[in-house]
Amino acid sequence: MSGFAWGAFAANLGWAALTALGVMVLTFALAVRKGMHRIVDIAWGAAFAAVALATFGASAGEGDLARRALVTALTVVWGLRLAVHIGRRGRGHGEDPRYEELLDKGSGNRNLYAFRMIYLLQGALVWLVSLPVQAAQYATGPLSALAWLGTALWAVGIVFEAVGDAQKARFKADPANQGRIMDRGLWRYTRHPNYFGDFCVWWGLFLIACDGGAAPALVSFVSPLVMSYLLINGSGKRLLERRMSGRPGWAEYASRTSGFFPLPPR
């Protein structure tokens, strides 16, 4: 596992944790002021972008510059696109029902409970899931075909996310579609093109880390697994489908449309 700056990477883990925590603390302060914790969803993508930029700065003089620049740029593009999209989508809406439900379960000060159960948890997940981005920047050696394969997979993911989100936004903006289930465009092939896109993005970034050798692969392999679990069985697909299950037309749509990976409609 030569060619990997273990000491510098270990120090970077601390800087990345502080960066993720800093974003979440600032977001928490803003949320308390506005009386709405749903803005933490905007901070999710922004925190990944911040960690990537902080790691790029901390890794100066370490690793391969092309790999460092590539993994940083891809993460920033993904994170900021997601943050902007969620910000636009939530404009004019009240608190997210997910957070209302969570906070109703707590006791004592609701804001402090929210800080522990939402902000600290999401900050820790940002740190954990971003390990491929952090590790890739400390690997030496030039980019190879594996990095470009990872970049291609990332591109598939960002297209699914951006196109799927845009298609759904147009669908919901049409008053004629009120109360209907979105089943057009990419949504014909998967019930969750945005979550599938996230899946591809993070496995793509992991492949770029693997391109740097066994060491970055070893320290970050858990990250895409955690993200995959969150998207499929955690706060993504499972939770959303539980909320959608009572909607008219949902059962029929679910019966003919793949639950996650894009497939022809049945």
Protein backbone atom coordinates (compact mmCIF):
# COMPACT_ATOMS: atom_id res chain seq x y z
CA MET A 1 0.00 0.00 0.00
CA SER A 2 2.85 2.33 -0.82
CA GLY A 3 2.16 5.65 -2.50
CA PHE A 4 -0.52 6.65 0.00
CA ALA A 5 0.13 9.46 2.49
CA TRP A 6 -1.26 7.78 5.59
CA GLY A 7 -0.20 10.46 8.04
CA ALA A 8 -1.57 13.33 6.00
CA PHE A 9 -4.79 11.41 5.34
CA ALA A 10 -5.25 10.75 9.06
CA ALA A 11 -4.90 14.48 9.78
CA ASN A 12 -7.36 15.23 6.99
CA LEU A 13 -9.99 13.06 8.66
CA GLY A 14 -10.08 15.60 11.48
CA TRP A 15 -10.30 18.58 9.14
CA ALA A 16 -13.10 16.91 7.18
CA ALA A 17 -15.03 16.20 10.39
CA LEU A 18 -14.66 19.83 11.51
CA THR A 19 -15.80 21.06 8.10
CA ALA A 20 -18.91 18.87 8.09
CA LEU A 21 -19.68 19.88 11.68
CA GLY A 22 -19.18 23.55 10.86
CA VAL A 23 -21.67 23.42 8.00
CA MET A 24 -24.21 21.68 10.20
CA VAL A 25 -23.76 24.10 13.11
CA LEU A 26 -24.26 27.11 10.82
CA THR A 27 -27.30 25.45 9.28
CA PHE A 28 -28.72 24.69 12.72
CA ALA A 29 -28.35 28.33 13.76
CA LEU A 30 -30.17 29.45 10.60
CA ALA A 31 -32.88 26.81 11.08
CA VAL A 32 -33.55 27.93 14.66
CA ARG A 33 -33.81 31.52 13.49
CA LYS A 34 -36.27 30.58 10.73
CA GLY A 35 -38.11 28.03 12.88
CA MET A 36 -37.75 25.36 10.22
CA HIS A 37 -35.37 22.40 10.22
CA ARG A 38 -36.03 21.28 6.64
CA ILE A 39 -33.20 23.53 5.45
CA VAL A 40 -30.78 20.87 6.68
CA ASP A 41 -31.62 19.03 3.45
CA ILE A 42 -30.02 21.90 1.53
CA ALA A 43 -26.93 21.63 3.75
CA TRP A 44 -26.56 17.91 2.94
CA GLY A 45 -25.20 18.48 -0.57
CA ALA A 46 -23.42 21.70 0.42
CA ALA A 47 -21.57 19.89 3.22
CA PHE A 48 -20.14 17.33 0.79
CA ALA A 49 -18.94 20.15 -1.46
CA ALA A 50 -17.34 21.87 1.53
CA VAL A 51 -15.58 18.69 2.66
CA ALA A 52 -14.25 18.10 -0.87
CA LEU A 53 -12.89 21.65 -1.09
CA ALA A 54 -11.38 21.47 2.40
CA THR A 55 -9.71 18.17 1.56
CA PHE A 56 -8.39 19.55 -1.71
CA GLY A 57 -6.77 22.39 0.23
CA ALA A 58 -5.44 20.12 2.97
CA SER A 59 -3.96 17.66 0.45
CA ALA A 60 -1.85 20.29 -1.35
CA GLY A 61 1.50 18.72 -2.08
CA GLU A 62 0.12 15.22 -1.57
CA GLY A 63 -1.33 12.79 -4.07
CA ASP A 64 -1.85 13.18 -7.80
CA LEU A 65 -3.10 16.65 -8.76
CA ALA A 66 -5.29 15.39 -11.60
CA ARG A 67 -7.09 12.90 -9.32
CA ARG A 68 -7.46 15.52 -6.59
CA ALA A 69 -8.95 18.04 -9.01
CA LEU A 70 -11.22 15.46 -10.64
CA VAL A 71 -12.75 14.05 -7.46
CA THR A 72 -13.15 17.53 -5.96
CA ALA A 73 -14.87 18.95 -9.06
CA LEU A 74 -17.26 16.02 -9.38
CA THR A 75 -18.24 16.21 -5.72
CA VAL A 76 -18.76 19.98 -5.78
CA VAL A 77 -20.90 19.80 -8.93
CA TRP A 78 -23.04 17.03 -7.43
CA GLY A 79 -23.35 18.68 -4.02
CA LEU A 80 -24.19 22.18 -5.22
CA ARG A 81 -26.68 20.95 -7.83
CA LEU A 82 -28.48 18.96 -5.15
CA ALA A 83 -28.45 21.88 -2.70
CA VAL A 84 -29.87 24.30 -5.28
CA HIS A 85 -32.53 21.84 -6.38
CA ILE A 86 -33.72 21.13 -2.84
CA GLY A 87 -33.69 24.84 -2.03
CA ARG A 88 -35.90 25.63 -5.00
CA ARG A 89 -38.21 22.69 -4.34
CA GLY A 90 -38.79 23.66 -0.73
CA ARG A 91 -39.37 27.38 -1.34
CA GLY A 92 -42.66 28.49 0.15
CA HIS A 93 -43.29 25.23 2.00
CA GLY A 94 -43.50 24.68 5.73
CA GLU A 95 -41.67 22.14 7.87
CA ASP A 96 -40.97 18.72 6.40
CA PRO A 97 -43.35 16.11 7.88
CA ARG A 98 -40.39 13.78 8.45
CA TYR A 99 -38.82 16.24 10.87
CA GLU A 100 -42.13 17.05 12.53
CA GLU A 101 -42.66 13.36 13.19
CA LEU A 102 -39.13 12.91 14.51
CA LEU A 103 -39.25 15.93 16.79
CA ASP A 104 -42.61 14.90 18.21
CA LYS A 105 -40.90 11.80 19.59
CA GLY A 106 -38.34 13.79 21.57
CA SER A 107 -38.55 15.24 25.03
CA GLY A 108 -37.19 18.48 26.41
CA ASN A 109 -35.96 21.28 24.17
CA ARG A 110 -37.01 20.52 20.57
CA ASN A 111 -34.13 22.43 19.03
CA LEU A 112 -31.49 20.64 21.09
CA TYR A 113 -33.12 17.34 20.27
CA ALA A 114 -33.07 18.29 16.59
CA PHE A 115 -29.38 19.20 16.83
CA ARG A 116 -28.53 15.77 18.23
CA MET A 117 -30.81 13.65 16.09
CA ILE A 118 -30.64 15.52 12.77
CA TYR A 119 -27.62 17.80 12.47
CA LEU A 120 -24.98 15.78 14.30
CA LEU A 121 -26.16 12.59 12.61
CA GLN A 122 -26.10 14.12 9.14
CA GLY A 123 -22.69 15.67 9.79
CA ALA A 124 -21.33 12.26 10.79
CA LEU A 125 -22.84 10.67 7.67
CA VAL A 126 -21.30 13.36 5.44
CA TRP A 127 -17.90 12.58 6.96
CA LEU A 128 -18.35 8.82 6.53
CA VAL A 129 -19.84 8.82 3.04
CA SER A 130 -17.22 11.29 1.77
CA LEU A 131 -14.31 8.99 2.62
CA PRO A 132 -13.71 8.05 -1.06
CA VAL A 133 -13.43 11.75 -1.90
CA GLN A 134 -11.00 12.29 0.96
CA ALA A 135 -8.90 9.18 0.33
CA ALA A 136 -8.63 9.69 -3.44
CA GLN A 137 -6.80 12.96 -2.88
CA TYR A 138 -3.93 11.31 -1.03
CA ALA A 139 -3.18 8.61 -3.60
CA THR A 140 -0.21 8.98 -5.93
CA GLY A 141 0.13 7.66 -9.43
CA PRO A 142 -1.55 8.90 -12.62
CA LEU A 143 -5.19 8.42 -13.49
CA SER A 144 -5.99 5.18 -15.29
CA ALA A 145 -9.00 3.63 -17.00
CA LEU A 146 -10.67 2.85 -13.65
CA ALA A 147 -10.88 6.55 -12.83
CA TRP A 148 -12.54 7.28 -16.16
CA LEU A 149 -14.95 4.39 -15.62
CA GLY A 150 -15.84 5.95 -12.27
CA THR A 151 -16.28 9.33 -13.94
CA ALA A 152 -18.60 7.77 -16.54
CA LEU A 153 -20.67 6.14 -13.79
CA TRP A 154 -20.80 9.49 -11.97
CA ALA A 155 -22.04 11.11 -15.21
CA VAL A 156 -24.82 8.53 -15.56
CA GLY A 157 -25.83 9.30 -11.99
CA ILE A 158 -25.88 13.07 -12.38
CA VAL A 159 -27.95 12.76 -15.56
CA PHE A 160 -30.51 10.54 -13.82
CA GLU A 161 -30.70 12.94 -10.90
CA ALA A 162 -30.89 16.18 -12.86
CA VAL A 163 -33.21 14.92 -15.62
CA GLY A 164 -35.44 13.05 -13.19
CA ASP A 165 -35.75 16.08 -10.91
CA ALA A 166 -36.48 18.39 -13.84
CA GLN A 167 -39.12 16.04 -15.25
CA LYS A 168 -40.87 15.78 -11.90
CA ALA A 169 -40.74 19.55 -11.34
CA ARG A 170 -42.42 20.17 -14.72
CA PHE A 171 -45.01 17.50 -13.99
CA LYS A 172 -45.94 18.98 -10.61
CA ALA A 173 -46.07 22.51 -12.03
CA ASP A 174 -48.93 21.53 -14.33
CA PRO A 175 -52.26 21.93 -12.48
CA ALA A 176 -53.74 19.13 -14.61
CA ASN A 177 -51.43 16.66 -12.84
CA GLN A 178 -52.55 17.50 -9.31
CA GLY A 179 -53.06 14.29 -7.34
CA ARG A 180 -51.58 12.12 -10.10
CA ILE A 181 -48.54 9.86 -9.83
CA MET A 182 -45.52 10.87 -11.91
CA ASP A 183 -44.96 7.98 -14.34
CA ARG A 184 -43.32 9.65 -17.33
CA GLY A 185 -39.78 10.05 -18.64
CA LEU A 186 -37.23 8.34 -16.43
CA TRP A 187 -39.98 7.68 -13.90
CA ARG A 188 -41.38 5.04 -16.27
CA TYR A 189 -38.29 2.90 -15.72
CA THR A 190 -37.61 3.39 -12.02
CA ARG A 191 -39.72 4.76 -9.21
CA HIS A 192 -36.68 6.66 -7.96
CA PRO A 193 -34.39 7.98 -10.74
CA ASN A 194 -32.97 10.58 -8.33
CA TYR A 195 -31.99 7.97 -5.74
CA PHE A 196 -30.60 5.69 -8.44
CA GLY A 197 -28.59 8.68 -9.65
CA ASP A 198 -27.14 9.21 -6.15
CA PHE A 199 -26.25 5.52 -6.09
CA CYS A 200 -24.29 5.82 -9.35
CA VAL A 201 -22.56 9.04 -8.25
CA TRP A 202 -21.14 7.54 -5.07
CA TRP A 203 -20.10 4.24 -6.58
CA GLY A 204 -18.43 6.25 -9.34
CA LEU A 205 -16.50 8.35 -6.81
CA PHE A 206 -15.51 5.15 -5.04
CA LEU A 207 -14.09 3.76 -8.30
CA ILE A 208 -11.99 6.92 -8.65
CA ALA A 209 -10.65 6.29 -5.14
CA CYS A 210 -9.93 2.65 -6.07
CA ASP A 211 -7.95 3.94 -9.04
CA GLY A 212 -5.47 5.28 -6.48
CA GLY A 213 -4.64 1.79 -5.22
CA ALA A 214 -5.57 -0.63 -2.47
CA ALA A 215 -5.17 1.85 0.40
CA PRO A 216 -7.86 4.38 -0.60
CA ALA A 217 -10.14 1.50 -1.59
CA LEU A 218 -9.66 -0.15 1.79
CA VAL A 219 -10.35 2.95 3.88
CA SER A 220 -13.43 3.98 1.93
CA PHE A 221 -15.22 0.83 0.76
CA VAL A 222 -17.82 1.17 3.51
CA SER A 223 -18.94 4.58 2.21
CA PRO A 224 -20.84 3.57 -0.96
CA LEU A 225 -22.36 0.68 1.00
CA VAL A 226 -23.69 3.09 3.62
CA MET A 227 -25.02 5.45 0.95
CA SER A 228 -26.68 2.54 -0.86
CA TYR A 229 -28.35 1.46 2.36
CA LEU A 230 -29.60 4.99 3.05
CA LEU A 231 -31.00 5.33 -0.47
CA ILE A 232 -32.72 1.94 -0.62
CA ASN A 233 -33.55 0.92 2.95
CA GLY A 234 -33.00 4.04 5.02
CA SER A 235 -34.37 7.56 4.66
CA GLY A 236 -34.72 7.33 0.86
CA LYS A 237 -36.82 4.82 -1.05
CA ARG A 238 -38.32 2.94 1.90
CA LEU A 239 -39.49 6.02 3.79
CA LEU A 240 -40.83 7.80 0.71
CA GLU A 241 -42.77 4.75 -0.49
CA ARG A 242 -44.30 4.31 2.95
CA ARG A 243 -45.68 7.85 2.66
CA MET A 244 -46.83 7.30 -0.94
CA SER A 245 -48.50 3.93 -0.38
CA GLY A 246 -51.93 5.43 0.27
CA ARG A 247 -51.96 7.71 -2.79
CA PRO A 248 -54.48 6.85 -5.55
CA GLY A 249 -52.73 5.09 -8.42
CA TRP A 250 -49.59 4.28 -6.44
CA ALA A 251 -50.18 0.51 -6.20
CA GLU A 252 -50.71 0.23 -9.96
CA TYR A 253 -47.63 2.35 -10.68
CA ALA A 254 -45.49 0.32 -8.27
CA SER A 255 -46.67 -2.95 -9.78
CA ARG A 256 -45.38 -2.04 -13.25
CA THR A 257 -42.32 0.06 -12.44
CA SER A 258 -38.95 -1.09 -11.10
CA GLY A 259 -38.36 -0.14 -7.48
CA PHE A 260 -34.82 1.14 -7.96
CA PHE A 261 -32.69 0.02 -10.90
CA PRO A 262 -34.07 1.20 -14.27
CA LEU A 263 -35.89 -1.54 -16.16
CA PRO A 264 -38.53 -1.60 -18.90
CA PRO A 265 -42.06 -1.19 -17.48
CA ARG A 266 -43.85 -4.46 -16.79
